[in-house]
Amino acid sequence: MSRRRLFPDVPPHVEYTVSEFGNTLLPHVEALISWGQDNFDRIMGNRRKTMGKGM
């Protein structure tokens, strides 16, 4: 899903890139982020309720 490129530096230097196949996941991740943003107030309200119960 990603490519790794190691450079012979000291200290070591590594770069990663997402493959074309990995990029197909991006719309799904963006949809999940959007859902979280759209439901942020409800999520935080539920979290506060749970924290109030000692969890």
PDB file of N, CA and C in Angstrom:
ATOM      1  N   MET A   1       0.816  -1.178   0.000  1.00  0.00           N
ATOM      2  CA  MET A   1       0.000   0.000   0.000  1.00  0.00           C
ATOM      3  C   MET A   1       0.868   1.254   0.000  1.00  0.00           C
ATOM      4  N   SER A   2       2.094   1.143   0.421  1.00  0.00           N
ATOM      5  CA  SER A   2       2.990   2.295   0.390  1.00  0.00           C
ATOM      6  C   SER A   2       4.332   1.858  -0.164  1.00  0.00           C
ATOM      7  N   ARG A   3       5.113   2.840  -0.546  1.00  0.00           N
ATOM      8  CA  ARG A   3       6.467   2.582  -1.009  1.00  0.00           C
ATOM      9  C   ARG A   3       7.432   3.215  -0.025  1.00  0.00           C
ATOM     10  N   ARG A   4       8.534   2.538   0.223  1.00  0.00           N
ATOM     11  CA  ARG A   4       9.525   3.018   1.186  1.00  0.00           C
ATOM     12  C   ARG A   4      10.830   3.242   0.456  1.00  0.00           C
ATOM     13  N   ARG A   5      11.421   4.405   0.669  1.00  0.00           N
ATOM     14  CA  ARG A   5      12.713   4.721   0.059  1.00  0.00           C
ATOM     15  C   ARG A   5      13.677   5.127   1.159  1.00  0.00           C
ATOM     16  N   LEU A   6      14.742   4.368   1.308  1.00  0.00           N
ATOM     17  CA  LEU A   6      15.744   4.608   2.344  1.00  0.00           C
ATOM     18  C   LEU A   6      16.938   5.328   1.726  1.00  0.00           C
ATOM     19  N   PHE A   7      17.368   6.412   2.361  1.00  0.00           N
ATOM     20  CA  PHE A   7      18.526   7.168   1.909  1.00  0.00           C
ATOM     21  C   PHE A   7      19.717   6.821   2.807  1.00  0.00           C
ATOM     22  N   PRO A   8      20.908   6.703   2.243  1.00  0.00           N
ATOM     23  CA  PRO A   8      22.089   6.312   3.044  1.00  0.00           C
ATOM     24  C   PRO A   8      22.683   7.489   3.819  1.00  0.00           C
ATOM     25  N   ASP A   9      21.858   8.175   4.571  1.00  0.00           N
ATOM     26  CA  ASP A   9      22.301   9.316   5.355  1.00  0.00           C
ATOM     27  C   ASP A   9      22.498   8.920   6.815  1.00  0.00           C
ATOM     28  N   VAL A  10      23.227   9.744   7.528  1.00  0.00           N
ATOM     29  CA  VAL A  10      23.372   9.579   8.968  1.00  0.00           C
ATOM     30  C   VAL A  10      22.935  10.892   9.595  1.00  0.00           C
ATOM     31  N   PRO A  11      21.893  10.902  10.400  1.00  0.00           N
ATOM     32  CA  PRO A  11      21.032   9.766  10.739  1.00  0.00           C
ATOM     33  C   PRO A  11      20.196   9.330   9.538  1.00  0.00           C
ATOM     34  N   PRO A  12      19.657   8.107   9.588  1.00  0.00           N
ATOM     35  CA  PRO A  12      18.895   7.575   8.458  1.00  0.00           C
ATOM     36  C   PRO A  12      17.732   8.492   8.074  1.00  0.00           C
ATOM     37  N   HIS A  13      17.450   8.544   6.805  1.00  0.00           N
ATOM     38  CA  HIS A  13      16.369   9.343   6.260  1.00  0.00           C
ATOM     39  C   HIS A  13      15.509   8.421   5.411  1.00  0.00           C
ATOM     40  N   VAL A  14      14.214   8.368   5.687  1.00  0.00           N
ATOM     41  CA  VAL A  14      13.301   7.490   4.956  1.00  0.00           C
ATOM     42  C   VAL A  14      12.110   8.312   4.489  1.00  0.00           C
ATOM     43  N   GLU A  15      11.680   8.079   3.260  1.00  0.00           N
ATOM     44  CA  GLU A  15      10.470   8.717   2.738  1.00  0.00           C
ATOM     45  C   GLU A  15       9.481   7.637   2.347  1.00  0.00           C
ATOM     46  N   TYR A  16       8.211   7.893   2.608  1.00  0.00           N
ATOM     47  CA  TYR A  16       7.151   6.977   2.236  1.00  0.00           C
ATOM     48  C   TYR A  16       6.200   7.684   1.278  1.00  0.00           C
ATOM     49  N   THR A  17       5.684   6.962   0.313  1.00  0.00           N
ATOM     50  CA  THR A  17       4.653   7.480  -0.570  1.00  0.00           C
ATOM     51  C   THR A  17       3.530   6.455  -0.641  1.00  0.00           C
ATOM     52  N   VAL A  18       2.326   6.955  -0.838  1.00  0.00           N
ATOM     53  CA  VAL A  18       1.165   6.069  -0.952  1.00  0.00           C
ATOM     54  C   VAL A  18       1.060   5.603  -2.393  1.00  0.00           C
ATOM     55  N   SER A  19       0.826   4.323  -2.572  1.00  0.00           N
ATOM     56  CA  SER A  19       0.709   3.760  -3.913  1.00  0.00           C
ATOM     57  C   SER A  19      -0.632   4.149  -4.535  1.00  0.00           C
ATOM     58  N   GLU A  20      -0.773   3.874  -5.815  1.00  0.00           N
ATOM     59  CA  GLU A  20      -2.033   4.137  -6.516  1.00  0.00           C
ATOM     60  C   GLU A  20      -3.174   3.364  -5.844  1.00  0.00           C
ATOM     61  N   PHE A  21      -2.908   2.128  -5.461  1.00  0.00           N
ATOM     62  CA  PHE A  21      -3.919   1.324  -4.767  1.00  0.00           C
ATOM     63  C   PHE A  21      -4.279   1.943  -3.420  1.00  0.00           C
ATOM     64  N   GLY A  22      -3.277   2.406  -2.689  1.00  0.00           N
ATOM     65  CA  GLY A  22      -3.529   3.049  -1.400  1.00  0.00           C
ATOM     66  C   GLY A  22      -4.363   4.300  -1.548  1.00  0.00           C
ATOM     67  N   ASN A  23      -4.170   5.018  -2.634  1.00  0.00           N
ATOM     68  CA  ASN A  23      -4.954   6.226  -2.875  1.00  0.00           C
ATOM     69  C   ASN A  23      -6.444   5.944  -3.047  1.00  0.00           C
ATOM     70  N   THR A  24      -6.808   4.703  -3.400  1.00  0.00           N
ATOM     71  CA  THR A  24      -8.230   4.377  -3.542  1.00  0.00           C
ATOM     72  C   THR A  24      -8.947   4.410  -2.194  1.00  0.00           C
ATOM     73  N   LEU A  25      -8.205   4.377  -1.109  1.00  0.00           N
ATOM     74  CA  LEU A  25      -8.785   4.450   0.228  1.00  0.00           C
ATOM     75  C   LEU A  25      -9.147   5.880   0.616  1.00  0.00           C
ATOM     76  N   LEU A  26      -8.532   6.863  -0.025  1.00  0.00           N
ATOM     77  CA  LEU A  26      -8.697   8.266   0.344  1.00  0.00           C
ATOM     78  C   LEU A  26     -10.150   8.744   0.395  1.00  0.00           C
ATOM     79  N   PRO A  27     -11.008   8.447  -0.583  1.00  0.00           N
ATOM     80  CA  PRO A  27     -12.395   8.914  -0.486  1.00  0.00           C
ATOM     81  C   PRO A  27     -13.118   8.376   0.751  1.00  0.00           C
ATOM     82  N   HIS A  28     -12.787   7.179   1.167  1.00  0.00           N
ATOM     83  CA  HIS A  28     -13.420   6.582   2.343  1.00  0.00           C
ATOM     84  C   HIS A  28     -12.941   7.261   3.628  1.00  0.00           C
ATOM     85  N   VAL A  29     -11.662   7.575   3.684  1.00  0.00           N
ATOM     86  CA  VAL A  29     -11.109   8.291   4.837  1.00  0.00           C
ATOM     87  C   VAL A  29     -11.717   9.688   4.909  1.00  0.00           C
ATOM     88  N   GLU A  30     -11.827  10.350   3.762  1.00  0.00           N
ATOM     89  CA  GLU A  30     -12.431  11.680   3.730  1.00  0.00           C
ATOM     90  C   GLU A  30     -13.888  11.642   4.178  1.00  0.00           C
ATOM     91  N   ALA A  31     -14.627  10.590   3.782  1.00  0.00           N
ATOM     92  CA  ALA A  31     -16.020  10.439   4.205  1.00  0.00           C
ATOM     93  C   ALA A  31     -16.103  10.249   5.717  1.00  0.00           C
ATOM     94  N   LEU A  32     -15.181   9.483   6.295  1.00  0.00           N
ATOM     95  CA  LEU A  32     -15.154   9.269   7.738  1.00  0.00           C
ATOM     96  C   LEU A  32     -14.848  10.573   8.470  1.00  0.00           C
ATOM     97  N   ILE A  33     -13.911  11.354   7.950  1.00  0.00           N
ATOM     98  CA  ILE A  33     -13.588  12.651   8.546  1.00  0.00           C
ATOM     99  C   ILE A  33     -14.815  13.555   8.494  1.00  0.00           C
ATOM    100  N   SER A  34     -15.487  13.584   7.363  1.00  0.00           N
ATOM    101  CA  SER A  34     -16.677  14.422   7.206  1.00  0.00           C
ATOM    102  C   SER A  34     -17.766  14.009   8.191  1.00  0.00           C
ATOM    103  N   TRP A  35     -17.965  12.696   8.357  1.00  0.00           N
ATOM    104  CA  TRP A  35     -18.955  12.204   9.310  1.00  0.00           C
ATOM    105  C   TRP A  35     -18.616  12.672  10.716  1.00  0.00           C
ATOM    106  N   GLY A  36     -17.338  12.582  11.086  1.00  0.00           N
ATOM    107  CA  GLY A  36     -16.911  13.020  12.411  1.00  0.00           C
ATOM    108  C   GLY A  36     -17.147  14.508  12.619  1.00  0.00           C
ATOM    109  N   GLN A  37     -16.865  15.298  11.594  1.00  0.00           N
ATOM    110  CA  GLN A  37     -17.089  16.740  11.693  1.00  0.00           C
ATOM    111  C   GLN A  37     -18.577  17.056  11.800  1.00  0.00           C
ATOM    112  N   ASP A  38     -19.395  16.377  11.006  1.00  0.00           N
ATOM    113  CA  ASP A  38     -20.842  16.604  11.021  1.00  0.00           C
ATOM    114  C   ASP A  38     -21.477  16.207  12.348  1.00  0.00           C
ATOM    115  N   ASN A  39     -20.882  15.238  13.038  1.00  0.00           N
ATOM    116  CA  ASN A  39     -21.454  14.706  14.266  1.00  0.00           C
ATOM    117  C   ASN A  39     -20.648  15.046  15.511  1.00  0.00           C
ATOM    118  N   PHE A  40     -19.758  16.025  15.401  1.00  0.00           N
ATOM    119  CA  PHE A  40     -18.850  16.355  16.485  1.00  0.00           C
ATOM    120  C   PHE A  40     -19.577  16.682  17.790  1.00  0.00           C
ATOM    121  N   ASP A  41     -20.598  17.536  17.722  1.00  0.00           N
ATOM    122  CA  ASP A  41     -21.303  17.921  18.949  1.00  0.00           C
ATOM    123  C   ASP A  41     -21.955  16.717  19.624  1.00  0.00           C
ATOM    124  N   ARG A  42     -22.570  15.860  18.847  1.00  0.00           N
ATOM    125  CA  ARG A  42     -23.210  14.663  19.412  1.00  0.00           C
ATOM    126  C   ARG A  42     -22.161  13.716  20.014  1.00  0.00           C
ATOM    127  N   ILE A  43     -21.050  13.538  19.317  1.00  0.00           N
ATOM    128  CA  ILE A  43     -19.974  12.674  19.817  1.00  0.00           C
ATOM    129  C   ILE A  43     -19.451  13.198  21.146  1.00  0.00           C
ATOM    130  N   MET A  44     -19.196  14.506  21.213  1.00  0.00           N
ATOM    131  CA  MET A  44     -18.668  15.089  22.444  1.00  0.00           C
ATOM    132  C   MET A  44     -19.693  15.028  23.572  1.00  0.00           C
ATOM    133  N   GLY A  45     -20.977  15.228  23.252  1.00  0.00           N
ATOM    134  CA  GLY A  45     -22.018  15.112  24.265  1.00  0.00           C
ATOM    135  C   GLY A  45     -22.078  13.711  24.841  1.00  0.00           C
ATOM    136  N   ASN A  46     -21.992  12.714  23.981  1.00  0.00           N
ATOM    137  CA  ASN A  46     -22.005  11.315  24.446  1.00  0.00           C
ATOM    138  C   ASN A  46     -20.758  11.003  25.263  1.00  0.00           C
ATOM    139  N   ARG A  47     -19.644  11.571  24.853  1.00  0.00           N
ATOM    140  CA  ARG A  47     -18.396  11.356  25.598  1.00  0.00           C
ATOM    141  C   ARG A  47     -18.512  11.944  27.003  1.00  0.00           C
ATOM    142  N   ARG A  48     -19.099  13.145  27.113  1.00  0.00           N
ATOM    143  CA  ARG A  48     -19.261  13.772  28.427  1.00  0.00           C
ATOM    144  C   ARG A  48     -20.195  12.946  29.319  1.00  0.00           C
ATOM    145  N   LYS A  49     -21.260  12.396  28.727  1.00  0.00           N
ATOM    146  CA  LYS A  49     -22.171  11.542  29.493  1.00  0.00           C
ATOM    147  C   LYS A  49     -21.437  10.313  30.030  1.00  0.00           C
ATOM    148  N   THR A  50     -20.627   9.702  29.178  1.00  0.00           N
ATOM    149  CA  THR A  50     -19.881   8.504  29.567  1.00  0.00           C
ATOM    150  C   THR A  50     -18.865   8.828  30.651  1.00  0.00           C
ATOM    151  N   MET A  51     -18.161   9.954  30.508  1.00  0.00           N
ATOM    152  CA  MET A  51     -17.165  10.344  31.509  1.00  0.00           C
ATOM    153  C   MET A  51     -17.836  10.646  32.838  1.00  0.00           C
ATOM    154  N   GLY A  52     -19.051  11.160  32.814  1.00  0.00           N
ATOM    155  CA  GLY A  52     -19.783  11.445  34.032  1.00  0.00           C
ATOM    156  C   GLY A  52     -20.199  10.191  34.787  1.00  0.00           C
ATOM    157  N   LYS A  53     -20.220   9.065  34.100  1.00  0.00           N
ATOM    158  CA  LYS A  53     -20.596   7.804  34.735  1.00  0.00           C
ATOM    159  C   LYS A  53     -19.381   7.058  35.290  1.00  0.00           C
ATOM    160  N   GLY A  54     -18.223   7.711  35.276  1.00  0.00           N
ATOM    161  CA  GLY A  54     -17.029   7.088  35.853  1.00  0.00           C
ATOM    162  C   GLY A  54     -16.270   6.191  34.919  1.00  0.00           C
ATOM    163  N   MET A  55     -16.542   6.243  33.610  1.00  0.00           N
ATOM    164  CA  MET A  55     -15.831   5.401  32.644  1.00  0.00           C
ATOM    165  C   MET A  55     -14.666   6.121  32.071  1.00  0.00           C
TER     166      MET A  55
END
